[in-house]
Amino acid sequence: MKAENVSFEQAMDELEKITARLEEGDVPLEEALEEYKRGMELSALCHSKLKKAETELAKLVTSDGDQPFRLDGEDA
């Protein structure tokens, strides 16, 4: 299944499984490379979905007249 066709939760679950498998160290090199590539796709997908959710949340908060949404550590 292509990375863009999975939900955030599905991507995280698959990424955790890939990570655990690679950490075991018993994966043949070629297979490990394919798993790593898939993991990078899923990681990028998760990052993209999180950024999109952050942007949508910021719009919702500001449209209600509340203070703009800020991440911890950002200046006011």
N, C-alpha and C. Protein backbone atom coordinates (compact mmCIF):
# COMPACT_ATOMS: atom_id res chain seq x y z
N MET A 1 0.85 -1.19 0.00
CA MET A 1 0.00 0.00 0.00
C MET A 1 0.89 1.24 0.00
N LYS A 2 0.55 2.20 -0.83
CA LYS A 2 1.31 3.45 -0.90
C LYS A 2 1.16 4.22 0.39
N ALA A 3 2.21 4.96 0.77
CA ALA A 3 2.21 5.69 2.03
C ALA A 3 1.07 6.70 2.10
N GLU A 4 0.78 7.38 1.01
CA GLU A 4 -0.25 8.42 1.05
C GLU A 4 -1.66 7.87 1.24
N ASN A 5 -1.83 6.56 1.12
CA ASN A 5 -3.14 5.94 1.26
C ASN A 5 -3.42 5.40 2.67
N VAL A 6 -2.56 5.71 3.63
CA VAL A 6 -2.75 5.21 4.98
C VAL A 6 -3.00 6.37 5.94
N SER A 7 -3.70 6.07 7.02
CA SER A 7 -3.96 7.09 8.03
C SER A 7 -2.69 7.31 8.85
N PHE A 8 -2.70 8.37 9.63
CA PHE A 8 -1.58 8.67 10.51
C PHE A 8 -1.33 7.48 11.45
N GLU A 9 -2.40 6.97 12.03
CA GLU A 9 -2.29 5.87 12.99
C GLU A 9 -1.73 4.60 12.34
N GLN A 10 -2.19 4.31 11.12
CA GLN A 10 -1.69 3.15 10.40
C GLN A 10 -0.21 3.32 10.08
N ALA A 11 0.16 4.52 9.67
CA ALA A 11 1.56 4.79 9.33
C ALA A 11 2.45 4.65 10.56
N MET A 12 1.99 5.17 11.69
CA MET A 12 2.78 5.06 12.92
C MET A 12 2.93 3.60 13.34
N ASP A 13 1.86 2.83 13.23
CA ASP A 13 1.90 1.42 13.59
C ASP A 13 2.90 0.67 12.71
N GLU A 14 2.81 0.91 11.41
CA GLU A 14 3.74 0.23 10.49
C GLU A 14 5.17 0.68 10.74
N LEU A 15 5.36 1.95 11.00
CA LEU A 15 6.70 2.48 11.27
C LEU A 15 7.30 1.85 12.53
N GLU A 16 6.49 1.66 13.55
CA GLU A 16 6.96 1.00 14.77
C GLU A 16 7.37 -0.44 14.49
N LYS A 17 6.61 -1.13 13.66
CA LYS A 17 6.94 -2.51 13.32
C LYS A 17 8.24 -2.59 12.53
N ILE A 18 8.40 -1.67 11.59
CA ILE A 18 9.63 -1.64 10.78
C ILE A 18 10.82 -1.37 11.68
N THR A 19 10.69 -0.41 12.57
CA THR A 19 11.78 -0.05 13.48
C THR A 19 12.17 -1.24 14.35
N ALA A 20 11.19 -1.92 14.91
CA ALA A 20 11.47 -3.08 15.76
C ALA A 20 12.18 -4.17 14.97
N ARG A 21 11.72 -4.40 13.75
CA ARG A 21 12.32 -5.44 12.91
C ARG A 21 13.77 -5.11 12.57
N LEU A 22 14.01 -3.85 12.22
CA LEU A 22 15.38 -3.45 11.87
C LEU A 22 16.30 -3.48 13.08
N GLU A 23 15.75 -3.16 14.25
CA GLU A 23 16.57 -3.18 15.47
C GLU A 23 16.98 -4.60 15.86
N GLU A 24 16.20 -5.60 15.46
CA GLU A 24 16.55 -6.99 15.74
C GLU A 24 17.86 -7.37 15.05
N GLY A 25 18.10 -6.81 13.88
CA GLY A 25 19.35 -7.05 13.18
C GLY A 25 19.40 -8.32 12.35
N ASP A 26 18.32 -9.08 12.28
CA ASP A 26 18.32 -10.34 11.53
C ASP A 26 17.74 -10.20 10.14
N VAL A 27 17.70 -8.98 9.62
CA VAL A 27 17.09 -8.73 8.32
C VAL A 27 18.19 -8.71 7.25
N PRO A 28 18.02 -9.45 6.18
CA PRO A 28 19.01 -9.41 5.09
C PRO A 28 19.17 -7.97 4.57
N LEU A 29 20.34 -7.65 4.11
CA LEU A 29 20.68 -6.28 3.71
C LEU A 29 19.70 -5.69 2.71
N GLU A 30 19.39 -6.39 1.64
CA GLU A 30 18.49 -5.85 0.62
C GLU A 30 17.10 -5.58 1.21
N GLU A 31 16.65 -6.49 2.04
CA GLU A 31 15.34 -6.33 2.67
C GLU A 31 15.37 -5.17 3.67
N ALA A 32 16.48 -5.04 4.38
CA ALA A 32 16.63 -3.93 5.34
C ALA A 32 16.59 -2.59 4.62
N LEU A 33 17.20 -2.51 3.45
CA LEU A 33 17.17 -1.27 2.68
C LEU A 33 15.75 -0.93 2.24
N GLU A 34 15.00 -1.94 1.81
CA GLU A 34 13.61 -1.70 1.41
C GLU A 34 12.76 -1.27 2.61
N GLU A 35 12.98 -1.92 3.75
CA GLU A 35 12.26 -1.55 4.96
C GLU A 35 12.60 -0.12 5.37
N TYR A 36 13.87 0.23 5.27
CA TYR A 36 14.31 1.58 5.63
C TYR A 36 13.64 2.62 4.72
N LYS A 37 13.61 2.33 3.42
CA LYS A 37 12.96 3.25 2.46
C LYS A 37 11.48 3.42 2.81
N ARG A 38 10.81 2.32 3.11
CA ARG A 38 9.39 2.39 3.49
C ARG A 38 9.23 3.20 4.77
N GLY A 39 10.11 2.99 5.71
CA GLY A 39 10.08 3.74 6.96
C GLY A 39 10.24 5.24 6.73
N MET A 40 11.12 5.60 5.82
CA MET A 40 11.32 7.02 5.50
C MET A 40 10.07 7.61 4.85
N GLU A 41 9.42 6.86 3.97
CA GLU A 41 8.16 7.31 3.35
C GLU A 41 7.10 7.55 4.43
N LEU A 42 6.98 6.60 5.34
CA LEU A 42 5.98 6.71 6.40
C LEU A 42 6.29 7.87 7.34
N SER A 43 7.57 8.05 7.64
CA SER A 43 7.98 9.16 8.50
C SER A 43 7.62 10.50 7.86
N ALA A 44 7.89 10.64 6.57
CA ALA A 44 7.56 11.87 5.86
C ALA A 44 6.05 12.09 5.84
N LEU A 45 5.29 11.01 5.64
CA LEU A 45 3.84 11.11 5.64
C LEU A 45 3.33 11.58 7.00
N CYS A 46 3.83 11.00 8.07
CA CYS A 46 3.42 11.40 9.42
C CYS A 46 3.75 12.86 9.67
N HIS A 47 4.94 13.26 9.29
CA HIS A 47 5.34 14.66 9.47
C HIS A 47 4.39 15.59 8.71
N SER A 48 4.08 15.24 7.49
CA SER A 48 3.19 16.06 6.67
C SER A 48 1.80 16.14 7.30
N LYS A 49 1.27 15.01 7.76
CA LYS A 49 -0.05 15.01 8.38
C LYS A 49 -0.07 15.82 9.68
N LEU A 50 1.00 15.75 10.45
CA LEU A 50 1.08 16.54 11.68
C LEU A 50 1.13 18.03 11.38
N LYS A 51 1.90 18.42 10.38
CA LYS A 51 1.99 19.84 10.00
C LYS A 51 0.64 20.35 9.52
N LYS A 52 -0.06 19.53 8.74
CA LYS A 52 -1.37 19.92 8.25
C LYS A 52 -2.35 20.09 9.40
N ALA A 53 -2.33 19.16 10.34
CA ALA A 53 -3.21 19.25 11.51
C ALA A 53 -2.88 20.49 12.34
N GLU A 54 -1.61 20.78 12.50
CA GLU A 54 -1.17 21.96 13.24
C GLU A 54 -1.69 23.24 12.58
N THR A 55 -1.59 23.31 11.27
CA THR A 55 -2.06 24.48 10.52
C THR A 55 -3.57 24.63 10.67
N GLU A 56 -4.30 23.53 10.54
CA GLU A 56 -5.75 23.58 10.68
C GLU A 56 -6.15 24.00 12.09
N LEU A 57 -5.46 23.48 13.09
CA LEU A 57 -5.75 23.84 14.47
C LEU A 57 -5.48 25.32 14.71
N ALA A 58 -4.39 25.82 14.17
CA ALA A 58 -4.07 27.24 14.32
C ALA A 58 -5.16 28.11 13.71
N LYS A 59 -5.68 27.72 12.56
CA LYS A 59 -6.76 28.48 11.92
C LYS A 59 -8.02 28.45 12.76
N LEU A 60 -8.35 27.30 13.32
CA LEU A 60 -9.54 27.19 14.16
C LEU A 60 -9.44 28.05 15.40
N VAL A 61 -8.31 28.02 16.04
CA VAL A 61 -8.13 28.79 17.27
C VAL A 61 -8.20 30.28 16.98
N THR A 62 -7.54 30.75 15.93
CA THR A 62 -7.54 32.18 15.64
C THR A 62 -8.87 32.65 15.10
N SER A 63 -9.62 31.80 14.41
CA SER A 63 -10.90 32.24 13.86
C SER A 63 -11.94 32.46 14.96
N ASP A 64 -11.75 31.87 16.11
CA ASP A 64 -12.66 32.07 17.24
C ASP A 64 -12.28 33.28 18.09
N GLY A 65 -11.23 33.97 17.71
CA GLY A 65 -10.82 35.16 18.44
C GLY A 65 -9.88 34.88 19.59
N ASP A 66 -9.54 33.62 19.80
CA ASP A 66 -8.59 33.28 20.85
C ASP A 66 -7.18 33.61 20.38
N GLN A 67 -6.24 33.50 21.29
CA GLN A 67 -4.85 33.74 20.91
C GLN A 67 -4.42 32.71 19.88
N PRO A 68 -3.55 33.10 18.97
CA PRO A 68 -3.07 32.14 17.97
C PRO A 68 -2.40 30.95 18.66
N PHE A 69 -2.54 29.81 18.07
CA PHE A 69 -1.93 28.58 18.57
C PHE A 69 -0.42 28.69 18.45
N ARG A 70 0.28 28.35 19.53
CA ARG A 70 1.75 28.36 19.51
C ARG A 70 2.24 27.04 20.06
N LEU A 71 3.31 26.55 19.49
CA LEU A 71 3.96 25.37 20.02
C LEU A 71 4.77 25.74 21.24
N ASP A 72 4.95 24.82 22.16
CA ASP A 72 5.79 25.08 23.32
C ASP A 72 7.16 25.55 22.85
N GLY A 73 7.66 26.55 23.49
CA GLY A 73 8.99 27.05 23.17
C GLY A 73 9.00 28.17 22.14
N GLU A 74 7.88 28.44 21.50
CA GLU A 74 7.82 29.54 20.53
C GLU A 74 7.54 30.84 21.27
N ASP A 75 8.09 31.92 20.79
CA ASP A 75 7.84 33.24 21.39
C ASP A 75 6.42 33.68 21.09
N ALA A 76 5.89 34.46 22.00
CA ALA A 76 4.51 34.97 21.85
C ALA A 76 4.44 36.04 20.79
